[in-house]
Amino acid sequence: MRRLTSKLIPILIAVVAAGCTASGSAYVVETVPTPRHEVEVYRPGFVWIGGHWAHVGSRWTWRDGYYERDRANHIYVQGRWERRGPRYVWAEGGWQSRARVSVRSGRR
């Protein structure tokens, strides 16, 4: 009996120790820096494309806004930060046909 007990004790210790592990999950929510103030001057025939922060490597870099020539029967939809799960992702802006754009009011 003593021989059996001496073999079981290390096994029991291993089983108990394995059951004492802690587990869990966590994530870091990245925040987007506050946009910089840019001066936008009306220029006939051009559209202002606003600047935004870009996460390059491990650093935030500001991409300046710029003017782009207006396109007939199109509007420019500005880029924006969208939250996807625990992260923010930059959704690039682009030109859309005026026929495809719908305007929604804030009321339901």
N, C-alpha and C. Protein backbone atom coordinates (compact mmCIF):
# COMPACT_ATOMS: atom_id res chain seq x y z
N MET A 1 0.82 -1.18 0.00
CA MET A 1 0.00 0.00 0.00
C MET A 1 0.87 1.26 0.00
N ARG A 2 1.91 1.21 0.77
CA ARG A 2 2.80 2.35 0.85
C ARG A 2 3.42 2.67 -0.51
N ARG A 3 3.73 1.64 -1.30
CA ARG A 3 4.31 1.82 -2.62
C ARG A 3 3.31 2.49 -3.56
N LEU A 4 2.05 2.08 -3.49
CA LEU A 4 0.98 2.65 -4.31
C LEU A 4 0.77 4.13 -3.95
N THR A 5 0.78 4.44 -2.68
CA THR A 5 0.60 5.82 -2.23
C THR A 5 1.75 6.69 -2.70
N SER A 6 2.96 6.22 -2.65
CA SER A 6 4.11 7.01 -3.07
C SER A 6 4.06 7.31 -4.58
N LYS A 7 3.41 6.44 -5.35
CA LYS A 7 3.27 6.70 -6.79
C LYS A 7 2.08 7.61 -7.08
N LEU A 8 1.04 7.53 -6.27
CA LEU A 8 -0.16 8.33 -6.50
C LEU A 8 0.02 9.79 -6.09
N ILE A 9 0.80 10.06 -5.09
CA ILE A 9 0.97 11.43 -4.60
C ILE A 9 1.50 12.37 -5.69
N PRO A 10 2.57 12.00 -6.42
CA PRO A 10 3.02 12.91 -7.49
C PRO A 10 1.96 13.11 -8.58
N ILE A 11 1.20 12.06 -8.87
CA ILE A 11 0.15 12.17 -9.89
C ILE A 11 -0.95 13.12 -9.39
N LEU A 12 -1.35 12.97 -8.13
CA LEU A 12 -2.38 13.85 -7.56
C LEU A 12 -1.91 15.30 -7.52
N ILE A 13 -0.67 15.52 -7.19
CA ILE A 13 -0.12 16.88 -7.15
C ILE A 13 -0.16 17.49 -8.55
N ALA A 14 0.20 16.72 -9.55
CA ALA A 14 0.19 17.21 -10.94
C ALA A 14 -1.23 17.54 -11.39
N VAL A 15 -2.20 16.69 -11.03
CA VAL A 15 -3.59 16.93 -11.41
C VAL A 15 -4.13 18.18 -10.73
N VAL A 16 -3.87 18.31 -9.45
CA VAL A 16 -4.33 19.48 -8.69
C VAL A 16 -3.67 20.75 -9.22
N ALA A 17 -2.39 20.69 -9.49
CA ALA A 17 -1.66 21.86 -10.00
C ALA A 17 -2.20 22.27 -11.37
N ALA A 18 -2.52 21.30 -12.21
CA ALA A 18 -3.07 21.61 -13.54
C ALA A 18 -4.44 22.27 -13.41
N GLY A 19 -5.20 21.92 -12.42
CA GLY A 19 -6.52 22.50 -12.21
C GLY A 19 -6.48 23.88 -11.62
N CYS A 20 -5.33 24.35 -11.16
CA CYS A 20 -5.21 25.65 -10.51
C CYS A 20 -4.77 26.75 -11.47
N THR A 21 -4.75 26.46 -12.74
CA THR A 21 -4.33 27.50 -13.68
C THR A 21 -5.47 28.47 -13.93
N ALA A 22 -5.12 29.70 -14.16
CA ALA A 22 -6.12 30.73 -14.45
C ALA A 22 -6.10 31.05 -15.93
N SER A 23 -7.26 31.30 -16.48
CA SER A 23 -7.31 31.67 -17.89
C SER A 23 -8.30 32.81 -18.06
N GLY A 24 -8.21 33.49 -19.15
CA GLY A 24 -9.11 34.60 -19.43
C GLY A 24 -8.69 35.25 -20.73
N SER A 25 -9.43 36.26 -21.12
CA SER A 25 -9.06 36.97 -22.34
C SER A 25 -9.20 38.46 -22.08
N ALA A 26 -8.39 39.23 -22.77
CA ALA A 26 -8.43 40.68 -22.65
C ALA A 26 -7.99 41.27 -23.97
N TYR A 27 -8.38 42.48 -24.23
CA TYR A 27 -7.93 43.17 -25.44
C TYR A 27 -7.72 44.63 -25.13
N VAL A 28 -6.91 45.24 -25.93
CA VAL A 28 -6.62 46.65 -25.78
C VAL A 28 -7.39 47.39 -26.85
N VAL A 29 -8.18 48.36 -26.44
CA VAL A 29 -8.94 49.15 -27.39
C VAL A 29 -8.07 50.33 -27.80
N GLU A 30 -7.76 50.41 -29.08
CA GLU A 30 -6.97 51.53 -29.56
C GLU A 30 -7.88 52.73 -29.72
N THR A 31 -7.42 53.86 -29.28
CA THR A 31 -8.19 55.07 -29.45
C THR A 31 -7.59 55.87 -30.60
N VAL A 32 -8.41 56.62 -31.25
CA VAL A 32 -7.98 57.44 -32.36
C VAL A 32 -7.72 58.85 -31.85
N PRO A 33 -6.57 59.44 -32.18
CA PRO A 33 -6.30 60.81 -31.72
C PRO A 33 -7.32 61.80 -32.27
N THR A 34 -7.49 62.90 -31.59
CA THR A 34 -8.40 63.95 -32.02
C THR A 34 -7.91 64.56 -33.33
N PRO A 35 -8.81 64.75 -34.30
CA PRO A 35 -8.38 65.34 -35.59
C PRO A 35 -7.81 66.75 -35.40
N ARG A 36 -6.90 67.11 -36.26
CA ARG A 36 -6.35 68.46 -36.24
C ARG A 36 -7.32 69.40 -36.93
N HIS A 37 -7.25 70.65 -36.53
CA HIS A 37 -8.09 71.67 -37.18
C HIS A 37 -7.41 72.08 -38.49
N GLU A 38 -8.15 71.98 -39.58
CA GLU A 38 -7.62 72.38 -40.88
C GLU A 38 -8.48 73.52 -41.41
N VAL A 39 -7.84 74.48 -42.06
CA VAL A 39 -8.56 75.60 -42.66
C VAL A 39 -8.91 75.22 -44.09
N GLU A 40 -10.19 75.21 -44.36
CA GLU A 40 -10.71 74.82 -45.67
C GLU A 40 -11.28 76.07 -46.33
N VAL A 41 -10.74 76.45 -47.46
CA VAL A 41 -11.18 77.64 -48.17
C VAL A 41 -11.96 77.19 -49.41
N TYR A 42 -13.11 77.83 -49.63
CA TYR A 42 -13.93 77.47 -50.79
C TYR A 42 -13.16 77.75 -52.08
N ARG A 43 -13.09 76.74 -52.93
CA ARG A 43 -12.46 76.87 -54.25
C ARG A 43 -13.42 76.31 -55.28
N PRO A 44 -14.01 77.15 -56.11
CA PRO A 44 -14.96 76.66 -57.12
C PRO A 44 -14.33 75.58 -58.00
N GLY A 45 -15.10 74.48 -58.20
CA GLY A 45 -14.63 73.39 -59.04
C GLY A 45 -13.78 72.37 -58.31
N PHE A 46 -13.59 72.54 -56.98
CA PHE A 46 -12.77 71.61 -56.20
C PHE A 46 -13.52 71.14 -54.95
N VAL A 47 -13.11 70.00 -54.45
CA VAL A 47 -13.68 69.43 -53.22
C VAL A 47 -12.54 69.26 -52.23
N TRP A 48 -12.81 69.59 -50.96
CA TRP A 48 -11.81 69.42 -49.91
C TRP A 48 -11.87 68.00 -49.38
N ILE A 49 -10.75 67.30 -49.42
CA ILE A 49 -10.62 65.96 -48.83
C ILE A 49 -9.91 66.16 -47.50
N GLY A 50 -10.64 65.95 -46.41
CA GLY A 50 -10.11 66.22 -45.07
C GLY A 50 -8.94 65.32 -44.68
N GLY A 51 -8.06 65.87 -43.87
CA GLY A 51 -6.92 65.10 -43.37
C GLY A 51 -7.36 64.12 -42.29
N HIS A 52 -6.49 63.17 -41.97
CA HIS A 52 -6.81 62.19 -40.93
C HIS A 52 -5.53 61.58 -40.36
N TRP A 53 -5.68 60.96 -39.19
CA TRP A 53 -4.57 60.26 -38.56
C TRP A 53 -4.45 58.87 -39.17
N ALA A 54 -3.22 58.46 -39.44
CA ALA A 54 -2.95 57.11 -39.95
C ALA A 54 -2.01 56.43 -38.97
N HIS A 55 -2.29 55.18 -38.68
CA HIS A 55 -1.44 54.42 -37.77
C HIS A 55 -0.40 53.70 -38.61
N VAL A 56 0.83 54.21 -38.59
CA VAL A 56 1.92 53.67 -39.40
C VAL A 56 2.92 53.02 -38.46
N GLY A 57 3.05 51.69 -38.57
CA GLY A 57 3.92 50.97 -37.64
C GLY A 57 3.35 51.07 -36.24
N SER A 58 4.09 51.67 -35.34
CA SER A 58 3.61 51.83 -33.97
C SER A 58 3.34 53.30 -33.64
N ARG A 59 3.31 54.15 -34.68
CA ARG A 59 3.14 55.59 -34.44
C ARG A 59 1.96 56.14 -35.22
N TRP A 60 1.39 57.22 -34.71
CA TRP A 60 0.33 57.94 -35.42
C TRP A 60 0.98 59.02 -36.27
N THR A 61 0.55 59.12 -37.53
CA THR A 61 1.06 60.13 -38.45
C THR A 61 -0.12 60.89 -39.04
N TRP A 62 -0.03 62.22 -39.09
CA TRP A 62 -1.11 63.02 -39.64
C TRP A 62 -0.94 63.12 -41.16
N ARG A 63 -2.01 62.82 -41.88
CA ARG A 63 -2.06 62.98 -43.34
C ARG A 63 -2.87 64.24 -43.62
N ASP A 64 -2.22 65.25 -44.18
CA ASP A 64 -2.88 66.53 -44.45
C ASP A 64 -4.01 66.39 -45.46
N GLY A 65 -5.01 67.28 -45.31
CA GLY A 65 -6.09 67.34 -46.27
C GLY A 65 -5.62 67.99 -47.57
N TYR A 66 -6.41 67.86 -48.62
CA TYR A 66 -6.03 68.41 -49.92
C TYR A 66 -7.29 68.65 -50.76
N TYR A 67 -7.12 69.39 -51.83
CA TYR A 67 -8.22 69.66 -52.76
C TYR A 67 -8.14 68.70 -53.93
N GLU A 68 -9.30 68.28 -54.40
CA GLU A 68 -9.37 67.43 -55.58
C GLU A 68 -10.42 68.03 -56.51
N ARG A 69 -10.17 67.95 -57.81
CA ARG A 69 -11.11 68.52 -58.78
C ARG A 69 -12.46 67.83 -58.68
N ASP A 70 -13.52 68.65 -58.71
CA ASP A 70 -14.89 68.15 -58.63
C ASP A 70 -15.20 67.26 -59.83
N ARG A 71 -16.04 66.27 -59.62
CA ARG A 71 -16.45 65.36 -60.70
C ARG A 71 -17.94 65.54 -60.97
N ALA A 72 -18.29 65.63 -62.24
CA ALA A 72 -19.68 65.84 -62.62
C ALA A 72 -20.56 64.69 -62.15
N ASN A 73 -21.73 65.01 -61.59
CA ASN A 73 -22.72 64.04 -61.12
C ASN A 73 -22.20 63.11 -60.02
N HIS A 74 -21.20 63.54 -59.27
CA HIS A 74 -20.65 62.74 -58.18
C HIS A 74 -20.51 63.61 -56.94
N ILE A 75 -20.51 62.98 -55.78
CA ILE A 75 -20.16 63.68 -54.54
C ILE A 75 -19.05 62.89 -53.87
N TYR A 76 -18.27 63.58 -53.07
CA TYR A 76 -17.20 62.91 -52.34
C TYR A 76 -17.68 62.59 -50.94
N VAL A 77 -17.61 61.33 -50.54
CA VAL A 77 -17.97 60.91 -49.19
C VAL A 77 -16.67 60.81 -48.40
N GLN A 78 -16.55 61.64 -47.35
CA GLN A 78 -15.32 61.71 -46.56
C GLN A 78 -15.01 60.37 -45.88
N GLY A 79 -13.73 60.10 -45.71
CA GLY A 79 -13.30 58.92 -44.97
C GLY A 79 -13.66 59.07 -43.50
N ARG A 80 -13.68 57.95 -42.77
CA ARG A 80 -14.07 58.00 -41.37
C ARG A 80 -13.48 56.81 -40.63
N TRP A 81 -13.38 56.95 -39.32
CA TRP A 81 -12.97 55.85 -38.46
C TRP A 81 -14.21 55.05 -38.08
N GLU A 82 -14.16 53.74 -38.27
CA GLU A 82 -15.26 52.86 -37.89
C GLU A 82 -14.77 51.87 -36.84
N ARG A 83 -15.61 51.65 -35.85
CA ARG A 83 -15.26 50.67 -34.81
C ARG A 83 -15.66 49.29 -35.29
N ARG A 84 -14.71 48.38 -35.32
CA ARG A 84 -14.96 46.99 -35.70
C ARG A 84 -14.41 46.10 -34.58
N GLY A 85 -15.34 45.61 -33.77
CA GLY A 85 -14.92 44.83 -32.61
C GLY A 85 -14.17 45.74 -31.65
N PRO A 86 -13.00 45.30 -31.19
CA PRO A 86 -12.26 46.11 -30.22
C PRO A 86 -11.36 47.17 -30.87
N ARG A 87 -11.39 47.28 -32.20
CA ARG A 87 -10.47 48.19 -32.89
C ARG A 87 -11.21 49.21 -33.74
N TYR A 88 -10.47 50.24 -34.10
CA TYR A 88 -10.95 51.23 -35.05
C TYR A 88 -10.21 51.00 -36.36
N VAL A 89 -10.96 51.08 -37.47
CA VAL A 89 -10.39 50.87 -38.79
C VAL A 89 -10.73 52.09 -39.64
N TRP A 90 -9.77 52.56 -40.43
CA TRP A 90 -10.01 53.69 -41.30
C TRP A 90 -10.73 53.22 -42.55
N ALA A 91 -11.92 53.78 -42.81
CA ALA A 91 -12.68 53.50 -44.03
C ALA A 91 -12.40 54.66 -44.99
N GLU A 92 -11.67 54.39 -46.02
CA GLU A 92 -11.26 55.42 -46.97
C GLU A 92 -12.47 56.05 -47.65
N GLY A 93 -12.42 57.34 -47.86
CA GLY A 93 -13.49 58.05 -48.55
C GLY A 93 -13.40 57.79 -50.05
N GLY A 94 -14.38 58.28 -50.77
CA GLY A 94 -14.34 58.11 -52.21
C GLY A 94 -15.51 58.78 -52.91
N TRP A 95 -15.48 58.78 -54.21
CA TRP A 95 -16.51 59.38 -55.03
C TRP A 95 -17.66 58.42 -55.22
N GLN A 96 -18.90 58.96 -55.12
CA GLN A 96 -20.10 58.16 -55.37
C GLN A 96 -21.01 58.94 -56.31
N SER A 97 -21.70 58.20 -57.14
CA SER A 97 -22.66 58.81 -58.05
C SER A 97 -23.77 59.48 -57.23
N ARG A 98 -24.21 60.64 -57.65
CA ARG A 98 -25.28 61.34 -56.94
C ARG A 98 -26.55 60.49 -56.89
N ALA A 99 -26.77 59.66 -57.88
CA ALA A 99 -27.97 58.82 -57.93
C ALA A 99 -27.97 57.77 -56.82
N ARG A 100 -26.81 57.36 -56.30
CA ARG A 100 -26.71 56.31 -55.28
C ARG A 100 -26.73 56.84 -53.86
N VAL A 101 -26.63 58.14 -53.69
CA VAL A 101 -26.52 58.71 -52.35
C VAL A 101 -27.92 59.03 -51.82
N SER A 102 -28.18 58.59 -50.60
CA SER A 102 -29.46 58.92 -49.95
C SER A 102 -29.17 59.74 -48.71
N VAL A 103 -30.06 60.64 -48.43
CA VAL A 103 -29.89 61.50 -47.26
C VAL A 103 -30.86 61.05 -46.20
N ARG A 104 -30.38 60.80 -44.98
CA ARG A 104 -31.22 60.38 -43.87
C ARG A 104 -31.29 61.50 -42.85
N SER A 105 -32.46 61.65 -42.28
CA SER A 105 -32.58 62.61 -41.19
C SER A 105 -32.18 61.93 -39.90
N GLY A 106 -31.93 62.72 -38.86
CA GLY A 106 -31.54 62.17 -37.57
C GLY A 106 -32.71 61.59 -36.80
N ARG A 107 -33.93 61.86 -37.25
CA ARG A 107 -35.12 61.38 -36.55
C ARG A 107 -35.55 60.01 -37.08
N ARG A 108 -36.22 59.25 -36.21
CA ARG A 108 -36.75 57.94 -36.62
C ARG A 108 -38.23 57.95 -36.59
